Amino acid sequence: GVPGSEGEYMWAGAAGTFFWVDPKQNLAVVAMMQAPGPTRPSM
């Protein structure tokens, strides 16, 4: 239920950090925050 490309890969951290790499779009994104809690998937 989110946009993206086949083959993109990612992971995240319990305190809110998040990154992904999309080779098809030649894209790399890093988002760093210290926001633990149940809202992380939505963020």
Full PDB file with SEQRES, HELIX, SHEET, SSBOND, CRYST1, ORIGX, SCALE, CONECT and MASTER records, all heavy atoms in Angstrom:
SEQRES   1 A   43  GLY VAL PRO GLY SER GLU GLY GLU TYR MET TRP ALA GLY          
SEQRES   2 A   43  ALA ALA GLY THR PHE PHE TRP VAL ASP PRO LYS GLN ASN          
SEQRES   3 A   43  LEU ALA VAL VAL ALA MET MET GLN ALA PRO GLY PRO THR          
SEQRES   4 A   43  ARG PRO SER MET                                              
SHEET    1 AA1 3 TYR A   9  ALA A  12  0                                        
SHEET    2 AA1 3 PHE A  18  ASP A  22 -1                                        
SHEET    3 AA1 3 LEU A  27  ALA A  31 -1                                        
CRYST1    1.000    1.000    1.000  90.00  90.00  90.00 P 1           1          
ORIGX1      1.000000  0.000000  0.000000        0.00000                         
ORIGX2      0.000000  1.000000  0.000000        0.00000                         
ORIGX3      0.000000  0.000000  1.000000        0.00000                         
SCALE1      1.000000  0.000000  0.000000        0.00000                         
SCALE2      0.000000  1.000000  0.000000        0.00000                         
SCALE3      0.000000  0.000000  1.000000        0.00000                         
ATOM      1  N   GLY A   1       0.799  -1.223   0.000  1.00  0.00           N  
ATOM      2  CA  GLY A   1       0.000   0.000   0.000  1.00  0.00           C  
ATOM      3  C   GLY A   1       0.830   1.270   0.000  1.00  0.00           C  
ATOM      4  O   GLY A   1       0.398   2.301   0.524  1.00  0.00           O  
ATOM      5  N   VAL A   2       2.021   1.198  -0.563  1.00  0.00           N  
ATOM      6  CA  VAL A   2       2.896   2.371  -0.717  1.00  0.00           C  
ATOM      7  C   VAL A   2       3.548   2.278  -2.086  1.00  0.00           C  
ATOM      8  O   VAL A   2       3.739   1.176  -2.624  1.00  0.00           O  
ATOM      9  CB  VAL A   2       3.994   2.422   0.369  1.00  0.00           C  
ATOM     10  CG1 VAL A   2       3.414   2.800   1.716  1.00  0.00           C  
ATOM     11  CG2 VAL A   2       4.758   1.113   0.452  1.00  0.00           C  
ATOM     12  N   PRO A   3       3.896   3.415  -2.696  1.00  0.00           N  
ATOM     13  CA  PRO A   3       4.583   3.364  -3.989  1.00  0.00           C  
ATOM     14  C   PRO A   3       5.988   2.800  -3.829  1.00  0.00           C  
ATOM     15  O   PRO A   3       6.575   2.826  -2.749  1.00  0.00           O  
ATOM     16  CB  PRO A   3       4.616   4.824  -4.439  1.00  0.00           C  
ATOM     17  CG  PRO A   3       4.518   5.607  -3.174  1.00  0.00           C  
ATOM     18  CD  PRO A   3       3.679   4.795  -2.242  1.00  0.00           C  
ATOM     19  N   GLY A   4       6.530   2.283  -4.926  1.00  0.00           N  
ATOM     20  CA  GLY A   4       7.873   1.727  -4.908  1.00  0.00           C  
ATOM     21  C   GLY A   4       8.104   0.871  -6.131  1.00  0.00           C  
ATOM     22  O   GLY A   4       7.254   0.786  -7.015  1.00  0.00           O  
ATOM     23  N   SER A   5       9.248   0.234  -6.192  1.00  0.00           N  
ATOM     24  CA  SER A   5       9.640  -0.557  -7.360  1.00  0.00           C  
ATOM     25  C   SER A   5       9.989  -1.974  -6.951  1.00  0.00           C  
ATOM     26  O   SER A   5      10.513  -2.214  -5.852  1.00  0.00           O  
ATOM     27  CB  SER A   5      10.870   0.071  -8.039  1.00  0.00           C  
ATOM     28  OG  SER A   5      10.663   1.426  -8.343  1.00  0.00           O  
ATOM     29  N   GLU A   6       9.732  -2.902  -7.841  1.00  0.00           N  
ATOM     30  CA  GLU A   6      10.168  -4.278  -7.617  1.00  0.00           C  
ATOM     31  C   GLU A   6      11.685  -4.295  -7.416  1.00  0.00           C  
ATOM     32  O   GLU A   6      12.427  -3.682  -8.176  1.00  0.00           O  
ATOM     33  CB  GLU A   6       9.802  -5.142  -8.820  1.00  0.00           C  
ATOM     34  CG  GLU A   6      10.201  -6.601  -8.673  1.00  0.00           C  
ATOM     35  CD  GLU A   6       9.794  -7.433  -9.863  1.00  0.00           C  
ATOM     36  OE1 GLU A   6       9.169  -6.880 -10.800  1.00  0.00           O  
ATOM     37  OE2 GLU A   6      10.087  -8.639  -9.874  1.00  0.00           O  
ATOM     38  N   GLY A   7      12.118  -4.950  -6.364  1.00  0.00           N  
ATOM     39  CA  GLY A   7      13.545  -5.046  -6.093  1.00  0.00           C  
ATOM     40  C   GLY A   7      14.096  -3.978  -5.172  1.00  0.00           C  
ATOM     41  O   GLY A   7      15.267  -4.046  -4.788  1.00  0.00           O  
ATOM     42  N   GLU A   8      13.283  -2.992  -4.778  1.00  0.00           N  
ATOM     43  CA  GLU A   8      13.778  -2.015  -3.798  1.00  0.00           C  
ATOM     44  C   GLU A   8      13.999  -2.734  -2.468  1.00  0.00           C  
ATOM     45  O   GLU A   8      13.353  -3.745  -2.172  1.00  0.00           O  
ATOM     46  CB  GLU A   8      12.801  -0.866  -3.622  1.00  0.00           C  
ATOM     47  CG  GLU A   8      11.516  -1.287  -2.948  1.00  0.00           C  
ATOM     48  CD  GLU A   8      10.594  -0.129  -2.605  1.00  0.00           C  
ATOM     49  OE1 GLU A   8      10.785   0.966  -3.132  1.00  0.00           O  
ATOM     50  OE2 GLU A   8       9.680  -0.353  -1.799  1.00  0.00           O  
ATOM     51  N   TYR A   9      14.905  -2.233  -1.655  1.00  0.00           N  
ATOM     52  CA  TYR A   9      15.185  -2.905  -0.385  1.00  0.00           C  
ATOM     53  C   TYR A   9      15.417  -1.870   0.708  1.00  0.00           C  
ATOM     54  O   TYR A   9      15.789  -0.726   0.431  1.00  0.00           O  
ATOM     55  CB  TYR A   9      16.371  -3.859  -0.500  1.00  0.00           C  
ATOM     56  CG  TYR A   9      17.620  -3.289  -1.116  1.00  0.00           C  
ATOM     57  CD1 TYR A   9      18.648  -2.774  -0.335  1.00  0.00           C  
ATOM     58  CD2 TYR A   9      17.784  -3.273  -2.503  1.00  0.00           C  
ATOM     59  CE1 TYR A   9      19.806  -2.264  -0.903  1.00  0.00           C  
ATOM     60  CE2 TYR A   9      18.942  -2.760  -3.088  1.00  0.00           C  
ATOM     61  CZ  TYR A   9      19.943  -2.261  -2.284  1.00  0.00           C  
ATOM     62  OH  TYR A   9      21.092  -1.754  -2.851  1.00  0.00           O  
ATOM     63  N   MET A  10      15.200  -2.295   1.956  1.00  0.00           N  
ATOM     64  CA  MET A  10      15.170  -1.320   3.045  1.00  0.00           C  
ATOM     65  C   MET A  10      15.219  -2.004   4.391  1.00  0.00           C  
ATOM     66  O   MET A  10      15.100  -3.216   4.515  1.00  0.00           O  
ATOM     67  CB  MET A  10      13.882  -0.503   2.953  1.00  0.00           C  
ATOM     68  CG  MET A  10      12.620  -1.320   3.220  1.00  0.00           C  
ATOM     69  SD  MET A  10      11.095  -0.382   2.948  1.00  0.00           S  
ATOM     70  CE  MET A  10      11.128  -0.216   1.165  1.00  0.00           C  
ATOM     71  N   TRP A  11      15.362  -1.192   5.427  1.00  0.00           N  
ATOM     72  CA  TRP A  11      15.079  -1.588   6.790  1.00  0.00           C  
ATOM     73  C   TRP A  11      14.979  -0.334   7.643  1.00  0.00           C  
ATOM     74  O   TRP A  11      15.123   0.782   7.138  1.00  0.00           O  
ATOM     75  CB  TRP A  11      16.083  -2.588   7.323  1.00  0.00           C  
ATOM     76  CG  TRP A  11      15.499  -3.414   8.446  1.00  0.00           C  
ATOM     77  CD1 TRP A  11      15.980  -3.551   9.707  1.00  0.00           C  
ATOM     78  CD2 TRP A  11      14.301  -4.202   8.384  1.00  0.00           C  
ATOM     79  NE1 TRP A  11      15.149  -4.376  10.443  1.00  0.00           N  
ATOM     80  CE2 TRP A  11      14.113  -4.784   9.660  1.00  0.00           C  
ATOM     81  CE3 TRP A  11      13.344  -4.450   7.393  1.00  0.00           C  
ATOM     82  CZ2 TRP A  11      13.027  -5.606   9.971  1.00  0.00           C  
ATOM     83  CZ3 TRP A  11      12.254  -5.270   7.691  1.00  0.00           C  
ATOM     84  CH2 TRP A  11      12.115  -5.829   8.963  1.00  0.00           C  
ATOM     85  N   ALA A  12      14.688  -0.521   8.921  1.00  0.00           N  
ATOM     86  CA  ALA A  12      14.432   0.611   9.801  1.00  0.00           C  
ATOM     87  C   ALA A  12      14.878   0.260  11.211  1.00  0.00           C  
ATOM     88  O   ALA A  12      15.308  -0.866  11.480  1.00  0.00           O  
ATOM     89  CB  ALA A  12      12.941   0.970   9.771  1.00  0.00           C  
ATOM     90  N   GLY A  13      14.759   1.233  12.122  1.00  0.00           N  
ATOM     91  CA  GLY A  13      15.161   1.022  13.497  1.00  0.00           C  
ATOM     92  C   GLY A  13      14.039   1.311  14.474  1.00  0.00           C  
ATOM     93  O   GLY A  13      13.142   2.121  14.196  1.00  0.00           O  
ATOM     94  N   ALA A  14      14.100   0.688  15.652  1.00  0.00           N  
ATOM     95  CA  ALA A  14      13.040   0.799  16.645  1.00  0.00           C  
ATOM     96  C   ALA A  14      12.838   2.225  17.145  1.00  0.00           C  
ATOM     97  O   ALA A  14      11.762   2.571  17.631  1.00  0.00           O  
ATOM     98  CB  ALA A  14      13.338  -0.120  17.831  1.00  0.00           C  
ATOM     99  N   ALA A  15      13.865   3.071  17.036  1.00  0.00           N  
ATOM    100  CA  ALA A  15      13.734   4.452  17.511  1.00  0.00           C  
ATOM    101  C   ALA A  15      13.286   5.406  16.418  1.00  0.00           C  
ATOM    102  O   ALA A  15      13.257   6.620  16.629  1.00  0.00           O  
ATOM    103  CB  ALA A  15      15.051   4.931  18.112  1.00  0.00           C  
ATOM    104  N   GLY A  16      12.938   4.890  15.242  1.00  0.00           N  
ATOM    105  CA  GLY A  16      12.362   5.726  14.197  1.00  0.00           C  
ATOM    106  C   GLY A  16      13.188   5.928  12.949  1.00  0.00           C  
ATOM    107  O   GLY A  16      12.706   6.502  11.972  1.00  0.00           O  
ATOM    108  N   THR A  17      14.458   5.488  12.927  1.00  0.00           N  
ATOM    109  CA  THR A  17      15.277   5.676  11.727  1.00  0.00           C  
ATOM    110  C   THR A  17      14.784   4.774  10.602  1.00  0.00           C  
ATOM    111  O   THR A  17      14.198   3.711  10.844  1.00  0.00           O  
ATOM    112  CB  THR A  17      16.748   5.382  12.027  1.00  0.00           C  
ATOM    113  OG1 THR A  17      16.867   4.036  12.518  1.00  0.00           O  
ATOM    114  CG2 THR A  17      17.288   6.345  13.066  1.00  0.00           C  
ATOM    115  N   PHE A  18      15.031   5.177   9.348  1.00  0.00           N  
ATOM    116  CA  PHE A  18      14.445   4.477   8.190  1.00  0.00           C  
ATOM    117  C   PHE A  18      15.290   4.783   6.959  1.00  0.00           C  
ATOM    118  O   PHE A  18      15.779   5.901   6.800  1.00  0.00           O  
ATOM    119  CB  PHE A  18      13.011   4.985   7.995  1.00  0.00           C  
ATOM    120  CG  PHE A  18      12.254   4.415   6.832  1.00  0.00           C  
ATOM    121  CD1 PHE A  18      12.298   3.066   6.528  1.00  0.00           C  
ATOM    122  CD2 PHE A  18      11.454   5.247   6.056  1.00  0.00           C  
ATOM    123  CE1 PHE A  18      11.570   2.545   5.458  1.00  0.00           C  
ATOM    124  CE2 PHE A  18      10.721   4.743   4.991  1.00  0.00           C  
ATOM    125  CZ  PHE A  18      10.776   3.386   4.697  1.00  0.00           C  
ATOM    126  N   PHE A  19      15.500   3.768   6.110  1.00  0.00           N  
ATOM    127  CA  PHE A  19      16.174   4.013   4.843  1.00  0.00           C  
ATOM    128  C   PHE A  19      15.676   3.026   3.801  1.00  0.00           C  
ATOM    129  O   PHE A  19      15.140   1.966   4.128  1.00  0.00           O  
ATOM    130  CB  PHE A  19      17.700   3.890   4.988  1.00  0.00           C  
ATOM    131  CG  PHE A  19      18.224   2.479   4.804  1.00  0.00           C  
ATOM    132  CD1 PHE A  19      18.841   2.089   3.620  1.00  0.00           C  
ATOM    133  CD2 PHE A  19      18.085   1.536   5.814  1.00  0.00           C  
ATOM    134  CE1 PHE A  19      19.308   0.798   3.449  1.00  0.00           C  
ATOM    135  CE2 PHE A  19      18.557   0.244   5.665  1.00  0.00           C  
ATOM    136  CZ  PHE A  19      19.178  -0.128   4.478  1.00  0.00           C  
ATOM    137  N   TRP A  20      15.838   3.398   2.544  1.00  0.00           N  
ATOM    138  CA  TRP A  20      15.617   2.426   1.478  1.00  0.00           C  
ATOM    139  C   TRP A  20      16.444   2.786   0.260  1.00  0.00           C  
ATOM    140  O   TRP A  20      16.903   3.907   0.087  1.00  0.00           O  
ATOM    141  CB  TRP A  20      14.144   2.279   1.129  1.00  0.00           C  
ATOM    142  CG  TRP A  20      13.519   3.326   0.264  1.00  0.00           C  
ATOM    143  CD1 TRP A  20      13.417   3.327  -1.094  1.00  0.00           C  
ATOM    144  CD2 TRP A  20      12.847   4.522   0.704  1.00  0.00           C  
ATOM    145  NE1 TRP A  20      12.734   4.428  -1.531  1.00  0.00           N  
ATOM    146  CE2 TRP A  20      12.365   5.176  -0.458  1.00  0.00           C  
ATOM    147  CE3 TRP A  20      12.600   5.090   1.957  1.00  0.00           C  
ATOM    148  CZ2 TRP A  20      11.661   6.369  -0.404  1.00  0.00           C  
ATOM    149  CZ3 TRP A  20      11.893   6.294   2.025  1.00  0.00           C  
ATOM    150  CH2 TRP A  20      11.444   6.911   0.850  1.00  0.00           C  
ATOM    151  N   VAL A  21      16.625   1.770  -0.585  1.00  0.00           N  
ATOM    152  CA  VAL A  21      17.378   1.883  -1.833  1.00  0.00           C  
ATOM    153  C   VAL A  21      16.501   1.330  -2.942  1.00  0.00           C  
ATOM    154  O   VAL A  21      15.972   0.218  -2.822  1.00  0.00           O  
ATOM    155  CB  VAL A  21      18.703   1.100  -1.760  1.00  0.00           C  
ATOM    156  CG1 VAL A  21      19.401   1.085  -3.123  1.00  0.00           C  
ATOM    157  CG2 VAL A  21      19.615   1.693  -0.695  1.00  0.00           C  
ATOM    158  N   ASP A  22      16.324   2.095  -4.014  1.00  0.00           N  
ATOM    159  CA  ASP A  22      15.514   1.672  -5.152  1.00  0.00           C  
ATOM    160  C   ASP A  22      16.384   1.691  -6.409  1.00  0.00           C  
ATOM    161  O   ASP A  22      16.568   2.745  -7.025  1.00  0.00           O  
ATOM    162  CB  ASP A  22      14.312   2.615  -5.317  1.00  0.00           C  
ATOM    163  CG  ASP A  22      13.344   2.148  -6.402  1.00  0.00           C  
ATOM    164  OD1 ASP A  22      13.772   1.403  -7.305  1.00  0.00           O  
ATOM    165  OD2 ASP A  22      12.170   2.543  -6.344  1.00  0.00           O  
ATOM    166  N   PRO A  23      16.945   0.542  -6.795  1.00  0.00           N  
ATOM    167  CA  PRO A  23      17.824   0.523  -7.974  1.00  0.00           C  
ATOM    168  C   PRO A  23      17.129   0.950  -9.259  1.00  0.00           C  
ATOM    169  O   PRO A  23      17.754   1.588 -10.116  1.00  0.00           O  
ATOM    170  CB  PRO A  23      18.285  -0.941  -8.041  1.00  0.00           C  
ATOM    171  CG  PRO A  23      18.155  -1.447  -6.643  1.00  0.00           C  
ATOM    172  CD  PRO A  23      16.931  -0.764  -6.109  1.00  0.00           C  
ATOM    173  N   LYS A  24      15.853   0.609  -9.423  1.00  0.00           N  
ATOM    174  CA  LYS A  24      15.159   0.963 -10.666  1.00  0.00           C  
ATOM    175  C   LYS A  24      15.000   2.470 -10.804  1.00  0.00           C  
ATOM    176  O   LYS A  24      15.039   3.008 -11.923  1.00  0.00           O  
ATOM    177  CB  LYS A  24      13.795   0.265 -10.726  1.00  0.00           C  
ATOM    178  CG  LYS A  24      13.901  -1.233 -10.994  1.00  0.00           C  
ATOM    179  CD  LYS A  24      12.567  -1.839 -11.357  1.00  0.00           C  
ATOM    180  CE  LYS A  24      12.747  -3.296 -11.754  1.00  0.00           C  
ATOM    181  NZ  LYS A  24      11.458  -3.936 -12.127  1.00  0.00           N  
ATOM    182  N   GLN A  25      14.824   3.153  -9.701  1.00  0.00           N  
ATOM    183  CA  GLN A  25      14.706   4.616  -9.728  1.00  0.00           C  
ATOM    184  C   GLN A  25      16.043   5.302  -9.450  1.00  0.00           C  
ATOM    185  O   GLN A  25      16.105   6.535  -9.403  1.00  0.00           O  
ATOM    186  CB  GLN A  25      13.666   5.076  -8.696  1.00  0.00           C  
ATOM    187  CG  GLN A  25      12.242   4.720  -9.051  1.00  0.00           C  
ATOM    188  CD  GLN A  25      11.727   5.519 -10.237  1.00  0.00           C  
ATOM    189  OE1 GLN A  25      12.313   6.523 -10.648  1.00  0.00           O  
ATOM    190  NE2 GLN A  25      10.619   5.066 -10.814  1.00  0.00           N  
ATOM    191  N   ASN A  26      17.103   4.513  -9.240  1.00  0.00           N  
ATOM    192  CA  ASN A  26      18.428   5.054  -8.915  1.00  0.00           C  
ATOM    193  C   ASN A  26      18.316   6.025  -7.743  1.00  0.00           C  
ATOM    194  O   ASN A  26      18.783   7.165  -7.796  1.00  0.00           O  
ATOM    195  CB  ASN A  26      19.052   5.732 -10.131  1.00  0.00           C  
ATOM    196  CG  ASN A  26      20.579   5.807 -10.024  1.00  0.00           C  
ATOM    197  OD1 ASN A  26      21.170   5.376  -9.034  1.00  0.00           O  
ATOM    198  ND2 ASN A  26      21.212   6.373 -11.029  1.00  0.00           N  
ATOM    199  N   LEU A  27      17.708   5.526  -6.671  1.00  0.00           N  
ATOM    200  CA  LEU A  27      17.289   6.355  -5.551  1.00  0.00           C  
ATOM    201  C   LEU A  27      17.756   5.761  -4.227  1.00  0.00           C  
ATOM    202  O   LEU A  27      17.673   4.556  -4.014  1.00  0.00           O  
ATOM    203  CB  LEU A  27      15.755   6.438  -5.563  1.00  0.00           C  
ATOM    204  CG  LEU A  27      15.045   7.245  -4.488  1.00  0.00           C  
ATOM    205  CD1 LEU A  27      15.207   8.746  -4.747  1.00  0.00           C  
ATOM    206  CD2 LEU A  27      13.561   6.874  -4.469  1.00  0.00           C  
ATOM    207  N   ALA A  28      18.267   6.611  -3.336  1.00  0.00           N  
ATOM    208  CA  ALA A  28      18.592   6.208  -1.970  1.00  0.00           C  
ATOM    209  C   ALA A  28      18.071   7.284  -1.033  1.00  0.00           C  
ATOM    210  O   ALA A  28      18.289   8.477  -1.256  1.00  0.00           O  
ATOM    211  CB  ALA A  28      20.098   6.033  -1.790  1.00  0.00           C  
ATOM    212  N   VAL A  29      17.377   6.855   0.027  1.00  0.00           N  
ATOM    213  CA  VAL A  29      16.751   7.789   0.962  1.00  0.00           C  
ATOM    214  C   VAL A  29      17.089   7.373   2.387  1.00  0.00           C  
ATOM    215  O   VAL A  29      16.997   6.191   2.735  1.00  0.00           O  
ATOM    216  CB  VAL A  29      15.218   7.822   0.786  1.00  0.00           C  
ATOM    217  CG1 VAL A  29      14.590   8.823   1.762  1.00  0.00           C  
ATOM    218  CG2 VAL A  29      14.837   8.146  -0.648  1.00  0.00           C  
ATOM    219  N   VAL A  30      17.471   8.334   3.207  1.00  0.00           N  
ATOM    220  CA  VAL A  30      17.724   8.104   4.630  1.00  0.00           C  
ATOM    221  C   VAL A  30      16.939   9.133   5.423  1.00  0.00           C  
ATOM    222  O   VAL A  30      16.990  10.332   5.121  1.00  0.00           O  
ATOM    223  CB  VAL A  30      19.225   8.221   4.970  1.00  0.00           C  
ATOM    224  CG1 VAL A  30      19.439   8.163   6.485  1.00  0.00           C  
ATOM    225  CG2 VAL A  30      20.018   7.123   4.285  1.00  0.00           C  
ATOM    226  N   ALA A  31      16.186   8.655   6.421  1.00  0.00           N  
ATOM    227  CA  ALA A  31      15.451   9.537   7.330  1.00  0.00           C  
ATOM    228  C   ALA A  31      15.802   9.146   8.755  1.00  0.00           C  
ATOM    229  O   ALA A  31      15.559   8.014   9.168  1.00  0.00           O  
ATOM    230  CB  ALA A  31      13.947   9.427   7.100  1.00  0.00           C  
ATOM    231  N   MET A  32      16.408  10.067   9.496  1.00  0.00           N  
ATOM    232  CA  MET A  32      16.850   9.801  10.864  1.00  0.00           C  
ATOM    233  C   MET A  32      16.014  10.609  11.858  1.00  0.00           C  
ATOM    234  O   MET A  32      15.953  11.840  11.775  1.00  0.00           O  
ATOM    235  CB  MET A  32      18.320  10.172  11.029  1.00  0.00           C  
ATOM    236  CG  MET A  32      19.282   9.294  10.233  1.00  0.00           C  
ATOM    237  SD  MET A  32      19.425   7.646  10.950  1.00  0.00           S  
ATOM    238  CE  MET A  32      21.036   7.152  10.306  1.00  0.00           C  
ATOM    239  N   MET A  33      15.377   9.899  12.779  1.00  0.00           N  
ATOM    240  CA  MET A  33      14.647  10.551  13.871  1.00  0.00           C  
ATOM    241  C   MET A  33      14.701   9.634  15.088  1.00  0.00           C  
ATOM    242  O   MET A  33      15.008   8.447  14.980  1.00  0.00           O  
ATOM    243  CB  MET A  33      13.208  10.846  13.453  1.00  0.00           C  
ATOM    244  CG  MET A  33      12.360   9.614  13.169  1.00  0.00           C  
ATOM    245  SD  MET A  33      10.762  10.012  12.423  1.00  0.00           S  
ATOM    246  CE  MET A  33      11.236  10.178  10.691  1.00  0.00           C  
ATOM    247  N   GLN A  34      14.454  10.193  16.263  1.00  0.00           N  
ATOM    248  CA  GLN A  34      14.370   9.391  17.467  1.00  0.00           C  
ATOM    249  C   GLN A  34      12.934   9.469  17.956  1.00  0.00           C  
ATOM    250  O   GLN A  34      12.567  10.267  18.817  1.00  0.00           O  
ATOM    251  CB  GLN A  34      15.356   9.887  18.520  1.00  0.00           C  
ATOM    252  CG  GLN A  34      16.804   9.834  18.082  1.00  0.00           C  
ATOM    253  CD  GLN A  34      17.427   8.444  17.992  1.00  0.00           C  
ATOM    254  OE1 GLN A  34      18.389   8.128  18.679  1.00  0.00           O  
ATOM    255  NE2 GLN A  34      16.900   7.602  17.103  1.00  0.00           N  
ATOM    256  N   ALA A  35      12.094   8.630  17.324  1.00  0.00           N  
ATOM    257  CA  ALA A  35      10.661   8.637  17.592  1.00  0.00           C  
ATOM    258  C   ALA A  35      10.155   7.209  17.689  1.00  0.00           C  
ATOM    259  O   ALA A  35       9.528   6.688  16.766  1.00  0.00           O  
ATOM    260  CB  ALA A  35       9.929   9.400  16.492  1.00  0.00           C  
ATOM    261  N   PRO A  36      10.445   6.529  18.809  1.00  0.00           N  
ATOM    262  CA  PRO A  36       9.913   5.183  18.995  1.00  0.00           C  
ATOM    263  C   PRO A  36       8.405   5.236  19.214  1.00  0.00           C  
ATOM    264  O   PRO A  36       7.845   6.308  19.461  1.00  0.00           O  
ATOM    265  CB  PRO A  36      10.635   4.706  20.259  1.00  0.00           C  
ATOM    266  CG  PRO A  36      10.930   5.953  21.019  1.00  0.00           C  
ATOM    267  CD  PRO A  36      11.196   7.011  19.981  1.00  0.00           C  
ATOM    268  N   GLY A  37       7.756   4.089  19.119  1.00  0.00           N  
ATOM    269  CA  GLY A  37       6.318   4.064  19.372  1.00  0.00           C  
ATOM    270  C   GLY A  37       5.540   3.514  18.198  1.00  0.00           C  
ATOM    271  O   GLY A  37       6.078   3.261  17.118  1.00  0.00           O  
ATOM    272  N   PRO A  38       4.240   3.342  18.377  1.00  0.00           N  
ATOM    273  CA  PRO A  38       3.403   2.666  17.373  1.00  0.00           C  
ATOM    274  C   PRO A  38       3.133   3.455  16.103  1.00  0.00           C  
ATOM    275  O   PRO A  38       2.554   2.919  15.155  1.00  0.00           O  
ATOM    276  CB  PRO A  38       2.100   2.401  18.136  1.00  0.00           C  
ATOM    277  CG  PRO A  38       2.078   3.425  19.220  1.00  0.00           C  
ATOM    278  CD  PRO A  38       3.499   3.650  19.603  1.00  0.00           C  
ATOM    279  N   THR A  39       3.513   4.735  16.043  1.00  0.00           N  
ATOM    280  CA  THR A  39       3.267   5.526  14.834  1.00  0.00           C  
ATOM    281  C   THR A  39       4.357   5.336  13.785  1.00  0.00           C  
ATOM    282  O   THR A  39       4.252   5.885  12.687  1.00  0.00           O  
ATOM    283  CB  THR A  39       3.172   7.032  15.179  1.00  0.00           C  
ATOM    284  OG1 THR A  39       4.409   7.453  15.770  1.00  0.00           O  
ATOM    285  CG2 THR A  39       2.036   7.304  16.150  1.00  0.00           C  
ATOM    286  N   ARG A  40       5.408   4.558  14.102  1.00  0.00           N  
ATOM    287  CA  ARG A  40       6.522   4.401  13.158  1.00  0.00           C  
ATOM    288  C   ARG A  40       6.088   3.878  11.789  1.00  0.00           C  
ATOM    289  O   ARG A  40       6.513   4.425  10.763  1.00  0.00           O  
ATOM    290  CB  ARG A  40       7.590   3.481  13.753  1.00  0.00           C  
ATOM    291  CG  ARG A  40       8.414   4.120  14.853  1.00  0.00           C  
ATOM    292  CD  ARG A  40       9.277   3.078  15.536  1.00  0.00           C  
ATOM    293  NE  ARG A  40       8.455   2.066  16.195  1.00  0.00           N  
ATOM    294  CZ  ARG A  40       8.850   0.832  16.482  1.00  0.00           C  
ATOM    295  NH1 ARG A  40      10.049   0.424  16.137  1.00  0.00           N  
ATOM    296  NH2 ARG A  40       8.046  -0.005  17.097  1.00  0.00           N  
ATOM    297  N   PRO A  41       5.266   2.814  11.690  1.00  0.00           N  
ATOM    298  CA  PRO A  41       4.870   2.351  10.348  1.00  0.00           C  
ATOM    299  C   PRO A  41       4.188   3.435   9.524  1.00  0.00           C  
ATOM    300  O   PRO A  41       4.447   3.580   8.330  1.00  0.00           O  
ATOM    301  CB  PRO A  41       3.917   1.190  10.657  1.00  0.00           C  
ATOM    302  CG  PRO A  41       4.363   0.679  11.991  1.00  0.00           C  
ATOM    303  CD  PRO A  41       4.770   1.905  12.742  1.00  0.00           C  
ATOM    304  N   SER A  42       3.310   4.225  10.176  1.00  0.00           N  
ATOM    305  CA  SER A  42       2.628   5.307   9.468  1.00  0.00           C  
ATOM    306  C   SER A  42       3.616   6.362   8.993  1.00  0.00           C  
ATOM    307  O   SER A  42       3.504   6.875   7.870  1.00  0.00           O  
ATOM    308  CB  SER A  42       1.582   5.935  10.389  1.00  0.00           C  
ATOM    309  OG  SER A  42       0.993   7.064   9.778  1.00  0.00           O  
ATOM    310  N   MET A  43       4.602   6.682   9.820  1.00  0.00           N  
ATOM    311  CA  MET A  43       5.596   7.691   9.444  1.00  0.00           C  
ATOM    312  C   MET A  43       6.424   7.207   8.255  1.00  0.00           C  
ATOM    313  O   MET A  43       6.730   7.985   7.340  1.00  0.00           O  
ATOM    314  CB  MET A  43       6.506   7.989  10.635  1.00  0.00           C  
ATOM    315  CG  MET A  43       7.434   9.175  10.431  1.00  0.00           C  
ATOM    316  SD  MET A  43       6.553  10.734  10.256  1.00  0.00           S  
ATOM    317  CE  MET A  43       5.776  10.839  11.887  1.00  0.00           C  
TER     318      MET A  43                                                      
MASTER        0    0    0    0    3    0    0    6  317    1    0    4          
END                                                                             
